Amino acid sequence: MAPTPQQEALSGWAAAGLELGSRRPERIDVLPLRREIIGRIIGRGGSVIKDIRERSGARVDARDQTEDPVQVLISGTNDAVEMAKALLMDAAEGAAGGPDKRDSVE
């Protein structure tokens, strides 16, 4: 039986050398995001993804950007993963809307 894309992404994540420390995360999720918006999700100099990591407490990795959609890996406590996913989805919606939609005042 062939591995699922999520299993392949997780094995690739471990192969990339991302150490999870001595503790295993409670939860590891994969959130697929369109490649065309991933640059806006990461932000200039990684500012957006860094903010998401700090606010949620989750580890967020969008290292492999060769596939579409990009498999964004999120790990941490259940609460941290849920918060990171919500923040990522908010950022994705803002990126998909473009700068005019995001910055407009209604």
PDB file of N, CA and C in Angstrom:
ATOM      1  N   MET A   1       0.844  -1.178   0.000  1.00  0.00           N
ATOM      2  CA  MET A   1       0.000   0.000   0.000  1.00  0.00           C
ATOM      3  C   MET A   1       0.887   1.239   0.000  1.00  0.00           C
ATOM      4  N   ALA A   2       0.647   2.158  -0.915  1.00  0.00           N
ATOM      5  CA  ALA A   2       1.460   3.373  -1.047  1.00  0.00           C
ATOM      6  C   ALA A   2       1.142   4.340   0.082  1.00  0.00           C
ATOM      7  N   PRO A   3       2.164   5.088   0.546  1.00  0.00           N
ATOM      8  CA  PRO A   3       1.915   6.063   1.606  1.00  0.00           C
ATOM      9  C   PRO A   3       1.051   7.214   1.087  1.00  0.00           C
ATOM     10  N   THR A   4       0.273   7.802   1.989  1.00  0.00           N
ATOM     11  CA  THR A   4      -0.550   8.956   1.628  1.00  0.00           C
ATOM     12  C   THR A   4       0.357  10.169   1.465  1.00  0.00           C
ATOM     13  N   PRO A   5      -0.121  11.229   0.788  1.00  0.00           N
ATOM     14  CA  PRO A   5       0.692  12.452   0.687  1.00  0.00           C
ATOM     15  C   PRO A   5       1.072  13.009   2.057  1.00  0.00           C
ATOM     16  N   GLN A   6       0.159  12.893   3.036  1.00  0.00           N
ATOM     17  CA  GLN A   6       0.465  13.384   4.380  1.00  0.00           C
ATOM     18  C   GLN A   6       1.598  12.574   4.998  1.00  0.00           C
ATOM     19  N   GLN A   7       1.579  11.259   4.836  1.00  0.00           N
ATOM     20  CA  GLN A   7       2.653  10.432   5.368  1.00  0.00           C
ATOM     21  C   GLN A   7       3.979  10.752   4.691  1.00  0.00           C
ATOM     22  N   GLU A   8       3.937  10.968   3.366  1.00  0.00           N
ATOM     23  CA  GLU A   8       5.160  11.325   2.653  1.00  0.00           C
ATOM     24  C   GLU A   8       5.691  12.666   3.132  1.00  0.00           C
ATOM     25  N   ALA A   9       4.798  13.640   3.344  1.00  0.00           N
ATOM     26  CA  ALA A   9       5.221  14.960   3.821  1.00  0.00           C
ATOM     27  C   ALA A   9       5.852  14.844   5.200  1.00  0.00           C
ATOM     28  N   LEU A  10       5.247  14.041   6.075  1.00  0.00           N
ATOM     29  CA  LEU A  10       5.786  13.894   7.420  1.00  0.00           C
ATOM     30  C   LEU A  10       7.138  13.203   7.396  1.00  0.00           C
ATOM     31  N   SER A  11       7.289  12.200   6.550  1.00  0.00           N
ATOM     32  CA  SER A  11       8.580  11.523   6.480  1.00  0.00           C
ATOM     33  C   SER A  11       9.622  12.471   5.885  1.00  0.00           C
ATOM     34  N   GLY A  12       9.206  13.298   4.930  1.00  0.00           N
ATOM     35  CA  GLY A  12      10.115  14.288   4.362  1.00  0.00           C
ATOM     36  C   GLY A  12      10.523  15.331   5.373  1.00  0.00           C
ATOM     37  N   TRP A  13       9.615  15.676   6.245  1.00  0.00           N
ATOM     38  CA  TRP A  13       9.888  16.656   7.291  1.00  0.00           C
ATOM     39  C   TRP A  13      10.969  16.118   8.222  1.00  0.00           C
ATOM     40  N   ALA A  14      10.821  14.855   8.613  1.00  0.00           N
ATOM     41  CA  ALA A  14      11.828  14.247   9.484  1.00  0.00           C
ATOM     42  C   ALA A  14      13.154  14.119   8.749  1.00  0.00           C
ATOM     43  N   ALA A  15      13.091  13.783   7.462  1.00  0.00           N
ATOM     44  CA  ALA A  15      14.314  13.639   6.675  1.00  0.00           C
ATOM     45  C   ALA A  15      15.016  14.975   6.487  1.00  0.00           C
ATOM     46  N   ALA A  16      14.247  16.079   6.549  1.00  0.00           N
ATOM     47  CA  ALA A  16      14.844  17.398   6.395  1.00  0.00           C
ATOM     48  C   ALA A  16      15.650  17.797   7.622  1.00  0.00           C
ATOM     49  N   GLY A  17      15.591  16.987   8.669  1.00  0.00           N
ATOM     50  CA  GLY A  17      16.410  17.256   9.851  1.00  0.00           C
ATOM     51  C   GLY A  17      15.771  18.186  10.849  1.00  0.00           C
ATOM     52  N   LEU A  18      14.477  18.356  10.798  1.00  0.00           N
ATOM     53  CA  LEU A  18      13.811  19.212  11.769  1.00  0.00           C
ATOM     54  C   LEU A  18      13.670  18.439  13.072  1.00  0.00           C
ATOM     55  N   GLU A  19      14.386  18.873  14.049  1.00  0.00           N
ATOM     56  CA  GLU A  19      14.368  18.203  15.338  1.00  0.00           C
ATOM     57  C   GLU A  19      13.142  18.628  16.125  1.00  0.00           C
ATOM     58  N   LEU A  20      12.468  17.691  16.717  1.00  0.00           N
ATOM     59  CA  LEU A  20      11.319  17.989  17.541  1.00  0.00           C
ATOM     60  C   LEU A  20      11.698  18.001  19.021  1.00  0.00           C
ATOM     61  N   GLY A  21      12.967  17.880  19.309  1.00  0.00           N
ATOM     62  CA  GLY A  21      13.401  17.862  20.696  1.00  0.00           C
ATOM     63  C   GLY A  21      13.155  16.497  21.298  1.00  0.00           C
ATOM     64  N   SER A  22      13.329  16.418  22.616  1.00  0.00           N
ATOM     65  CA  SER A  22      13.159  15.136  23.280  1.00  0.00           C
ATOM     66  C   SER A  22      11.683  14.786  23.441  1.00  0.00           C
ATOM     67  N   ARG A  23      10.820  15.798  23.388  1.00  0.00           N
ATOM     68  CA  ARG A  23       9.382  15.552  23.490  1.00  0.00           C
ATOM     69  C   ARG A  23       8.760  15.492  22.112  1.00  0.00           C
ATOM     70  N   ARG A  24       7.840  14.596  21.945  1.00  0.00           N
ATOM     71  CA  ARG A  24       7.088  14.530  20.689  1.00  0.00           C
ATOM     72  C   ARG A  24       5.911  15.479  20.801  1.00  0.00           C
ATOM     73  N   PRO A  25       5.560  16.127  19.711  1.00  0.00           N
ATOM     74  CA  PRO A  25       4.389  17.006  19.763  1.00  0.00           C
ATOM     75  C   PRO A  25       3.116  16.186  19.981  1.00  0.00           C
ATOM     76  N   GLU A  26       2.116  16.795  20.613  1.00  0.00           N
ATOM     77  CA  GLU A  26       0.833  16.126  20.797  1.00  0.00           C
ATOM     78  C   GLU A  26       0.174  15.847  19.458  1.00  0.00           C
ATOM     79  N   ARG A  27       0.402  16.765  18.523  1.00  0.00           N
ATOM     80  CA  ARG A  27      -0.325  16.682  17.263  1.00  0.00           C
ATOM     81  C   ARG A  27       0.538  17.210  16.127  1.00  0.00           C
ATOM     82  N   ILE A  28       0.426  16.571  14.967  1.00  0.00           N
ATOM     83  CA  ILE A  28       1.076  17.030  13.740  1.00  0.00           C
ATOM     84  C   ILE A  28       0.015  17.037  12.653  1.00  0.00           C
ATOM     85  N   ASP A  29      -0.199  18.203  12.061  1.00  0.00           N
ATOM     86  CA  ASP A  29      -1.174  18.333  10.966  1.00  0.00           C
ATOM     87  C   ASP A  29      -0.473  18.851   9.725  1.00  0.00           C
ATOM     88  N   VAL A  30      -1.079  18.582   8.588  1.00  0.00           N
ATOM     89  CA  VAL A  30      -0.603  19.113   7.314  1.00  0.00           C
ATOM     90  C   VAL A  30      -1.728  19.954   6.735  1.00  0.00           C
ATOM     91  N   LEU A  31      -1.420  21.212   6.417  1.00  0.00           N
ATOM     92  CA  LEU A  31      -2.395  22.121   5.839  1.00  0.00           C
ATOM     93  C   LEU A  31      -1.956  22.461   4.420  1.00  0.00           C
ATOM     94  N   PRO A  32      -2.709  22.010   3.409  1.00  0.00           N
ATOM     95  CA  PRO A  32      -2.335  22.326   2.033  1.00  0.00           C
ATOM     96  C   PRO A  32      -2.736  23.756   1.678  1.00  0.00           C
ATOM     97  N   LEU A  33      -1.780  24.544   1.189  1.00  0.00           N
ATOM     98  CA  LEU A  33      -2.033  25.920   0.758  1.00  0.00           C
ATOM     99  C   LEU A  33      -1.508  26.104  -0.658  1.00  0.00           C
ATOM    100  N   ARG A  34      -2.243  26.859  -1.463  1.00  0.00           N
ATOM    101  CA  ARG A  34      -1.831  27.073  -2.849  1.00  0.00           C
ATOM    102  C   ARG A  34      -0.445  27.726  -2.911  1.00  0.00           C
ATOM    103  N   ARG A  35       0.362  27.239  -3.805  1.00  0.00           N
ATOM    104  CA  ARG A  35       1.733  27.720  -3.948  1.00  0.00           C
ATOM    105  C   ARG A  35       1.787  29.203  -4.309  1.00  0.00           C
ATOM    106  N   GLU A  36       0.810  29.677  -5.057  1.00  0.00           N
ATOM    107  CA  GLU A  36       0.821  31.077  -5.489  1.00  0.00           C
ATOM    108  C   GLU A  36       0.701  32.074  -4.331  1.00  0.00           C
ATOM    109  N   ILE A  37       0.201  31.626  -3.160  1.00  0.00           N
ATOM    110  CA  ILE A  37       0.067  32.553  -2.036  1.00  0.00           C
ATOM    111  C   ILE A  37       1.072  32.292  -0.924  1.00  0.00           C
ATOM    112  N   ILE A  38       1.904  31.275  -1.067  1.00  0.00           N
ATOM    113  CA  ILE A  38       2.780  30.882   0.040  1.00  0.00           C
ATOM    114  C   ILE A  38       3.780  31.982   0.404  1.00  0.00           C
ATOM    115  N   GLY A  39       4.225  32.760  -0.586  1.00  0.00           N
ATOM    116  CA  GLY A  39       5.141  33.861  -0.290  1.00  0.00           C
ATOM    117  C   GLY A  39       4.524  34.890   0.630  1.00  0.00           C
ATOM    118  N   ARG A  40       3.229  35.154   0.457  1.00  0.00           N
ATOM    119  CA  ARG A  40       2.534  36.101   1.324  1.00  0.00           C
ATOM    120  C   ARG A  40       2.297  35.495   2.709  1.00  0.00           C
ATOM    121  N   ILE A  41       2.155  34.166   2.770  1.00  0.00           N
ATOM    122  CA  ILE A  41       1.993  33.484   4.057  1.00  0.00           C
ATOM    123  C   ILE A  41       3.299  33.569   4.845  1.00  0.00           C
ATOM    124  N   ILE A  42       4.414  33.401   4.163  1.00  0.00           N
ATOM    125  CA  ILE A  42       5.715  33.472   4.827  1.00  0.00           C
ATOM    126  C   ILE A  42       6.035  34.914   5.200  1.00  0.00           C
ATOM    127  N   GLY A  43       5.770  35.839   4.290  1.00  0.00           N
ATOM    128  CA  GLY A  43       6.012  37.260   4.571  1.00  0.00           C
ATOM    129  C   GLY A  43       7.446  37.659   4.282  1.00  0.00           C
ATOM    130  N   ARG A  44       7.653  38.966   4.214  1.00  0.00           N
ATOM    131  CA  ARG A  44       8.986  39.512   3.967  1.00  0.00           C
ATOM    132  C   ARG A  44       9.929  39.097   5.093  1.00  0.00           C
ATOM    133  N   GLY A  45      10.987  38.405   4.715  1.00  0.00           N
ATOM    134  CA  GLY A  45      11.962  37.943   5.713  1.00  0.00           C
ATOM    135  C   GLY A  45      11.388  36.937   6.693  1.00  0.00           C
ATOM    136  N   GLY A  46      10.265  36.303   6.326  1.00  0.00           N
ATOM    137  CA  GLY A  46       9.647  35.322   7.217  1.00  0.00           C
ATOM    138  C   GLY A  46       8.808  35.938   8.323  1.00  0.00           C
ATOM    139  N   SER A  47       8.476  37.223   8.198  1.00  0.00           N
ATOM    140  CA  SER A  47       7.811  37.939   9.285  1.00  0.00           C
ATOM    141  C   SER A  47       6.420  37.391   9.620  1.00  0.00           C
ATOM    142  N   VAL A  48       5.642  37.016   8.621  1.00  0.00           N
ATOM    143  CA  VAL A  48       4.279  36.548   8.891  1.00  0.00           C
ATOM    144  C   VAL A  48       4.300  35.175   9.546  1.00  0.00           C
ATOM    145  N   ILE A  49       5.073  34.264   8.987  1.00  0.00           N
ATOM    146  CA  ILE A  49       5.113  32.912   9.556  1.00  0.00           C
ATOM    147  C   ILE A  49       5.759  32.936  10.952  1.00  0.00           C
ATOM    148  N   LYS A  50       6.716  33.825  11.168  1.00  0.00           N
ATOM    149  CA  LYS A  50       7.327  33.959  12.497  1.00  0.00           C
ATOM    150  C   LYS A  50       6.290  34.441  13.501  1.00  0.00           C
ATOM    151  N   ASP A  51       5.467  35.413  13.098  1.00  0.00           N
ATOM    152  CA  ASP A  51       4.414  35.911  13.974  1.00  0.00           C
ATOM    153  C   ASP A  51       3.415  34.807  14.309  1.00  0.00           C
ATOM    154  N   ILE A  52       3.066  34.000  13.317  1.00  0.00           N
ATOM    155  CA  ILE A  52       2.137  32.884  13.550  1.00  0.00           C
ATOM    156  C   ILE A  52       2.751  31.889  14.527  1.00  0.00           C
ATOM    157  N   ARG A  53       4.025  31.601  14.366  1.00  0.00           N
ATOM    158  CA  ARG A  53       4.706  30.672  15.294  1.00  0.00           C
ATOM    159  C   ARG A  53       4.690  31.224  16.712  1.00  0.00           C
ATOM    160  N   GLU A  54       5.023  32.514  16.851  1.00  0.00           N
ATOM    161  CA  GLU A  54       5.087  33.124  18.185  1.00  0.00           C
ATOM    162  C   GLU A  54       3.714  33.218  18.838  1.00  0.00           C
ATOM    163  N   ARG A  55       2.717  33.606  18.071  1.00  0.00           N
ATOM    164  CA  ARG A  55       1.368  33.763  18.633  1.00  0.00           C
ATOM    165  C   ARG A  55       0.735  32.434  19.002  1.00  0.00           C
ATOM    166  N   SER A  56       0.999  31.397  18.216  1.00  0.00           N
ATOM    167  CA  SER A  56       0.352  30.107  18.456  1.00  0.00           C
ATOM    168  C   SER A  56       1.166  29.185  19.354  1.00  0.00           C
ATOM    169  N   GLY A  57       2.471  29.320  19.319  1.00  0.00           N
ATOM    170  CA  GLY A  57       3.335  28.390  20.048  1.00  0.00           C
ATOM    171  C   GLY A  57       3.579  27.094  19.282  1.00  0.00           C
ATOM    172  N   ALA A  58       3.083  27.013  18.046  1.00  0.00           N
ATOM    173  CA  ALA A  58       3.250  25.800  17.231  1.00  0.00           C
ATOM    174  C   ALA A  58       4.483  25.929  16.341  1.00  0.00           C
ATOM    175  N   ARG A  59       5.010  24.816  15.920  1.00  0.00           N
ATOM    176  CA  ARG A  59       6.056  24.796  14.891  1.00  0.00           C
ATOM    177  C   ARG A  59       5.338  24.767  13.549  1.00  0.00           C
ATOM    178  N   VAL A  60       5.700  25.672  12.667  1.00  0.00           N
ATOM    179  CA  VAL A  60       5.071  25.775  11.348  1.00  0.00           C
ATOM    180  C   VAL A  60       6.181  25.740  10.315  1.00  0.00           C
ATOM    181  N   ASP A  61       6.072  24.818   9.342  1.00  0.00           N
ATOM    182  CA  ASP A  61       7.124  24.671   8.346  1.00  0.00           C
ATOM    183  C   ASP A  61       6.537  24.555   6.948  1.00  0.00           C
ATOM    184  N   ALA A  62       6.968  25.450   6.076  1.00  0.00           N
ATOM    185  CA  ALA A  62       6.568  25.408   4.665  1.00  0.00           C
ATOM    186  C   ALA A  62       7.816  25.271   3.813  1.00  0.00           C
ATOM    187  N   ARG A  63       8.725  24.440   4.246  1.00  0.00           N
ATOM    188  CA  ARG A  63      10.038  24.310   3.611  1.00  0.00           C
ATOM    189  C   ARG A  63       9.977  23.841   2.164  1.00  0.00           C
ATOM    190  N   ASP A  64       9.208  22.788   1.881  1.00  0.00           N
ATOM    191  CA  ASP A  64       9.158  22.239   0.521  1.00  0.00           C
ATOM    192  C   ASP A  64       8.070  22.956  -0.269  1.00  0.00           C
ATOM    193  N   GLN A  65       8.490  23.850  -1.171  1.00  0.00           N
ATOM    194  CA  GLN A  65       7.539  24.641  -1.939  1.00  0.00           C
ATOM    195  C   GLN A  65       7.532  24.238  -3.412  1.00  0.00           C
ATOM    196  N   THR A  66       7.947  23.002  -3.693  1.00  0.00           N
ATOM    197  CA  THR A  66       8.008  22.540  -5.079  1.00  0.00           C
ATOM    198  C   THR A  66       6.669  21.999  -5.568  1.00  0.00           C
ATOM    199  N   GLU A  67       5.802  21.595  -4.675  1.00  0.00           N
ATOM    200  CA  GLU A  67       4.505  21.024  -5.045  1.00  0.00           C
ATOM    201  C   GLU A  67       3.417  22.076  -4.912  1.00  0.00           C
ATOM    202  N   ASP A  68       2.316  21.845  -5.602  1.00  0.00           N
ATOM    203  CA  ASP A  68       1.152  22.708  -5.462  1.00  0.00           C
ATOM    204  C   ASP A  68      -0.053  21.809  -5.244  1.00  0.00           C
ATOM    205  N   PRO A  69      -0.685  21.864  -4.088  1.00  0.00           N
ATOM    206  CA  PRO A  69      -0.472  22.838  -3.034  1.00  0.00           C
ATOM    207  C   PRO A  69       0.750  22.518  -2.171  1.00  0.00           C
ATOM    208  N   VAL A  70       1.264  23.546  -1.512  1.00  0.00           N
ATOM    209  CA  VAL A  70       2.376  23.386  -0.575  1.00  0.00           C
ATOM    210  C   VAL A  70       1.816  22.736   0.694  1.00  0.00           C
ATOM    211  N   GLN A  71       2.495  21.717   1.175  1.00  0.00           N
ATOM    212  CA  GLN A  71       2.084  21.026   2.399  1.00  0.00           C
ATOM    213  C   GLN A  71       2.737  21.716   3.592  1.00  0.00           C
ATOM    214  N   VAL A  72       1.976  22.548   4.287  1.00  0.00           N
ATOM    215  CA  VAL A  72       2.488  23.272   5.453  1.00  0.00           C
ATOM    216  C   VAL A  72       2.321  22.364   6.662  1.00  0.00           C
ATOM    217  N   LEU A  73       3.415  22.063   7.322  1.00  0.00           N
ATOM    218  CA  LEU A  73       3.406  21.161   8.472  1.00  0.00           C
ATOM    219  C   LEU A  73       3.300  21.963   9.757  1.00  0.00           C
ATOM    220  N   ILE A  74       2.383  21.565  10.613  1.00  0.00           N
ATOM    221  CA  ILE A  74       2.127  22.268  11.868  1.00  0.00           C
ATOM    222  C   ILE A  74       2.190  21.243  12.988  1.00  0.00           C
ATOM    223  N   SER A  75       2.971  21.530  14.023  1.00  0.00           N
ATOM    224  CA  SER A  75       3.047  20.595  15.146  1.00  0.00           C
ATOM    225  C   SER A  75       3.080  21.356  16.455  1.00  0.00           C
ATOM    226  N   GLY A  76       2.647  20.674  17.506  1.00  0.00           N
ATOM    227  CA  GLY A  76       2.638  21.261  18.842  1.00  0.00           C
ATOM    228  C   GLY A  76       1.509  20.673  19.652  1.00  0.00           C
ATOM    229  N   THR A  77       1.080  21.428  20.644  1.00  0.00           N
ATOM    230  CA  THR A  77      -0.071  20.995  21.432  1.00  0.00           C
ATOM    231  C   THR A  77      -1.314  21.122  20.562  1.00  0.00           C
ATOM    232  N   ASN A  78      -2.381  20.480  20.971  1.00  0.00           N
ATOM    233  CA  ASN A  78      -3.633  20.578  20.211  1.00  0.00           C
ATOM    234  C   ASN A  78      -4.066  22.029  20.056  1.00  0.00           C
ATOM    235  N   ASP A  79      -4.008  22.797  21.147  1.00  0.00           N
ATOM    236  CA  ASP A  79      -4.412  24.205  21.099  1.00  0.00           C
ATOM    237  C   ASP A  79      -3.508  25.016  20.181  1.00  0.00           C
ATOM    238  N   ALA A  80      -2.205  24.770  20.252  1.00  0.00           N
ATOM    239  CA  ALA A  80      -1.250  25.515  19.426  1.00  0.00           C
ATOM    240  C   ALA A  80      -1.477  25.221  17.945  1.00  0.00           C
ATOM    241  N   VAL A  81      -1.725  23.959  17.606  1.00  0.00           N
ATOM    242  CA  VAL A  81      -1.948  23.584  16.210  1.00  0.00           C
ATOM    243  C   VAL A  81      -3.241  24.222  15.701  1.00  0.00           C
ATOM    244  N   GLU A  82      -4.304  24.184  16.501  1.00  0.00           N
ATOM    245  CA  GLU A  82      -5.569  24.799  16.093  1.00  0.00           C
ATOM    246  C   GLU A  82      -5.403  26.297  15.862  1.00  0.00           C
ATOM    247  N   MET A  83      -4.689  26.979  16.774  1.00  0.00           N
ATOM    248  CA  MET A  83      -4.490  28.412  16.624  1.00  0.00           C
ATOM    249  C   MET A  83      -3.653  28.718  15.385  1.00  0.00           C
ATOM    250  N   ALA A  84      -2.589  27.956  15.167  1.00  0.00           N
ATOM    251  CA  ALA A  84      -1.734  28.171  13.999  1.00  0.00           C
ATOM    252  C   ALA A  84      -2.529  27.960  12.712  1.00  0.00           C
ATOM    253  N   LYS A  85      -3.366  26.927  12.669  1.00  0.00           N
ATOM    254  CA  LYS A  85      -4.182  26.683  11.476  1.00  0.00           C
ATOM    255  C   LYS A  85      -5.135  27.853  11.220  1.00  0.00           C
ATOM    256  N   ALA A  86      -5.748  28.372  12.268  1.00  0.00           N
ATOM    257  CA  ALA A  86      -6.665  29.511  12.106  1.00  0.00           C
ATOM    258  C   ALA A  86      -5.911  30.741  11.600  1.00  0.00           C
ATOM    259  N   LEU A  87      -4.727  30.997  12.161  1.00  0.00           N
ATOM    260  CA  LEU A  87      -3.930  32.149  11.728  1.00  0.00           C
ATOM    261  C   LEU A  87      -3.451  31.976  10.291  1.00  0.00           C
ATOM    262  N   LEU A  88      -3.065  30.766   9.928  1.00  0.00           N
ATOM    263  CA  LEU A  88      -2.650  30.491   8.550  1.00  0.00           C
ATOM    264  C   LEU A  88      -3.807  30.687   7.581  1.00  0.00           C
ATOM    265  N   MET A  89      -4.987  30.222   7.954  1.00  0.00           N
ATOM    266  CA  MET A  89      -6.152  30.383   7.080  1.00  0.00           C
ATOM    267  C   MET A  89      -6.509  31.861   6.928  1.00  0.00           C
ATOM    268  N   ASP A  90      -6.420  32.631   8.012  1.00  0.00           N
ATOM    269  CA  ASP A  90      -6.659  34.082   7.922  1.00  0.00           C
ATOM    270  C   ASP A  90      -5.664  34.726   6.974  1.00  0.00           C
ATOM    271  N   ALA A  91      -4.388  34.362   7.114  1.00  0.00           N
ATOM    272  CA  ALA A  91      -3.351  34.922   6.246  1.00  0.00           C
ATOM    273  C   ALA A  91      -3.581  34.503   4.799  1.00  0.00           C
ATOM    274  N   ALA A  92      -4.012  33.253   4.585  1.00  0.00           N
ATOM    275  CA  ALA A  92      -4.264  32.763   3.232  1.00  0.00           C
ATOM    276  C   ALA A  92      -5.432  33.512   2.596  1.00  0.00           C
ATOM    277  N   GLU A  93      -6.481  33.751   3.365  1.00  0.00           N
ATOM    278  CA  GLU A  93      -7.628  34.490   2.837  1.00  0.00           C
ATOM    279  C   GLU A  93      -7.226  35.915   2.469  1.00  0.00           C
ATOM    280  N   GLY A  94      -6.404  36.546   3.308  1.00  0.00           N
ATOM    281  CA  GLY A  94      -5.919  37.892   3.006  1.00  0.00           C
ATOM    282  C   GLY A  94      -5.044  37.910   1.773  1.00  0.00           C
ATOM    283  N   ALA A  95      -4.189  36.899   1.624  1.00  0.00           N
ATOM    284  CA  ALA A  95      -3.296  36.820   0.466  1.00  0.00           C
ATOM    285  C   ALA A  95      -4.084  36.558  -0.806  1.00  0.00           C
ATOM    286  N   ALA A  96      -5.100  35.728  -0.728  1.00  0.00           N
ATOM    287  CA  ALA A  96      -5.894  35.396  -1.911  1.00  0.00           C
ATOM    288  C   ALA A  96      -6.712  36.593  -2.373  1.00  0.00           C
ATOM    289  N   GLY A  97      -7.065  37.480  -1.421  1.00  0.00           N
ATOM    290  CA  GLY A  97      -7.852  38.654  -1.767  1.00  0.00           C
ATOM    291  C   GLY A  97      -7.043  39.733  -2.432  1.00  0.00           C
ATOM    292  N   GLY A  98      -5.727  39.680  -2.292  1.00  0.00           N
ATOM    293  CA  GLY A  98      -4.865  40.699  -2.889  1.00  0.00           C
ATOM    294  C   GLY A  98      -4.797  41.933  -2.009  1.00  0.00           C
ATOM    295  N   PRO A  99      -3.856  42.818  -2.268  1.00  0.00           N
ATOM    296  CA  PRO A  99      -3.649  43.973  -1.407  1.00  0.00           C
ATOM    297  C   PRO A  99      -4.829  44.937  -1.393  1.00  0.00           C
ATOM    298  N   ASP A 100      -5.530  45.104  -2.516  1.00  0.00           N
ATOM    299  CA  ASP A 100      -6.636  46.057  -2.549  1.00  0.00           C
ATOM    300  C   ASP A 100      -7.780  45.618  -1.648  1.00  0.00           C
ATOM    301  N   LYS A 101      -8.107  44.331  -1.699  1.00  0.00           N
ATOM    302  CA  LYS A 101      -9.217  43.820  -0.892  1.00  0.00           C
ATOM    303  C   LYS A 101      -8.878  43.890   0.591  1.00  0.00           C
ATOM    304  N   ARG A 102      -7.660  43.561   0.942  1.00  0.00           N
ATOM    305  CA  ARG A 102      -7.250  43.542   2.346  1.00  0.00           C
ATOM    306  C   ARG A 102      -7.197  44.935   2.938  1.00  0.00           C
ATOM    307  N   ASP A 103      -6.727  45.894   2.161  1.00  0.00           N
ATOM    308  CA  ASP A 103      -6.480  47.219   2.680  1.00  0.00           C
ATOM    309  C   ASP A 103      -7.669  48.157   2.527  1.00  0.00           C
ATOM    310  N   SER A 104      -8.759  47.719   1.896  1.00  0.00           N
ATOM    311  CA  SER A 104      -9.883  48.622   1.657  1.00  0.00           C
ATOM    312  C   SER A 104     -10.673  48.835   2.945  1.00  0.00           C
ATOM    313  N   VAL A 105     -11.275  50.003   3.028  1.00  0.00           N
ATOM    314  CA  VAL A 105     -12.122  50.345   4.156  1.00  0.00           C
ATOM    315  C   VAL A 105     -13.548  50.384   3.653  1.00  0.00           C
ATOM    316  N   GLU A 106     -14.441  49.672   4.332  1.00  0.00           N
ATOM    317  CA  GLU A 106     -15.827  49.650   3.871  1.00  0.00           C
ATOM    318  C   GLU A 106     -16.694  50.505   4.738  1.00  0.00           C
TER     319      GLU A 106
END
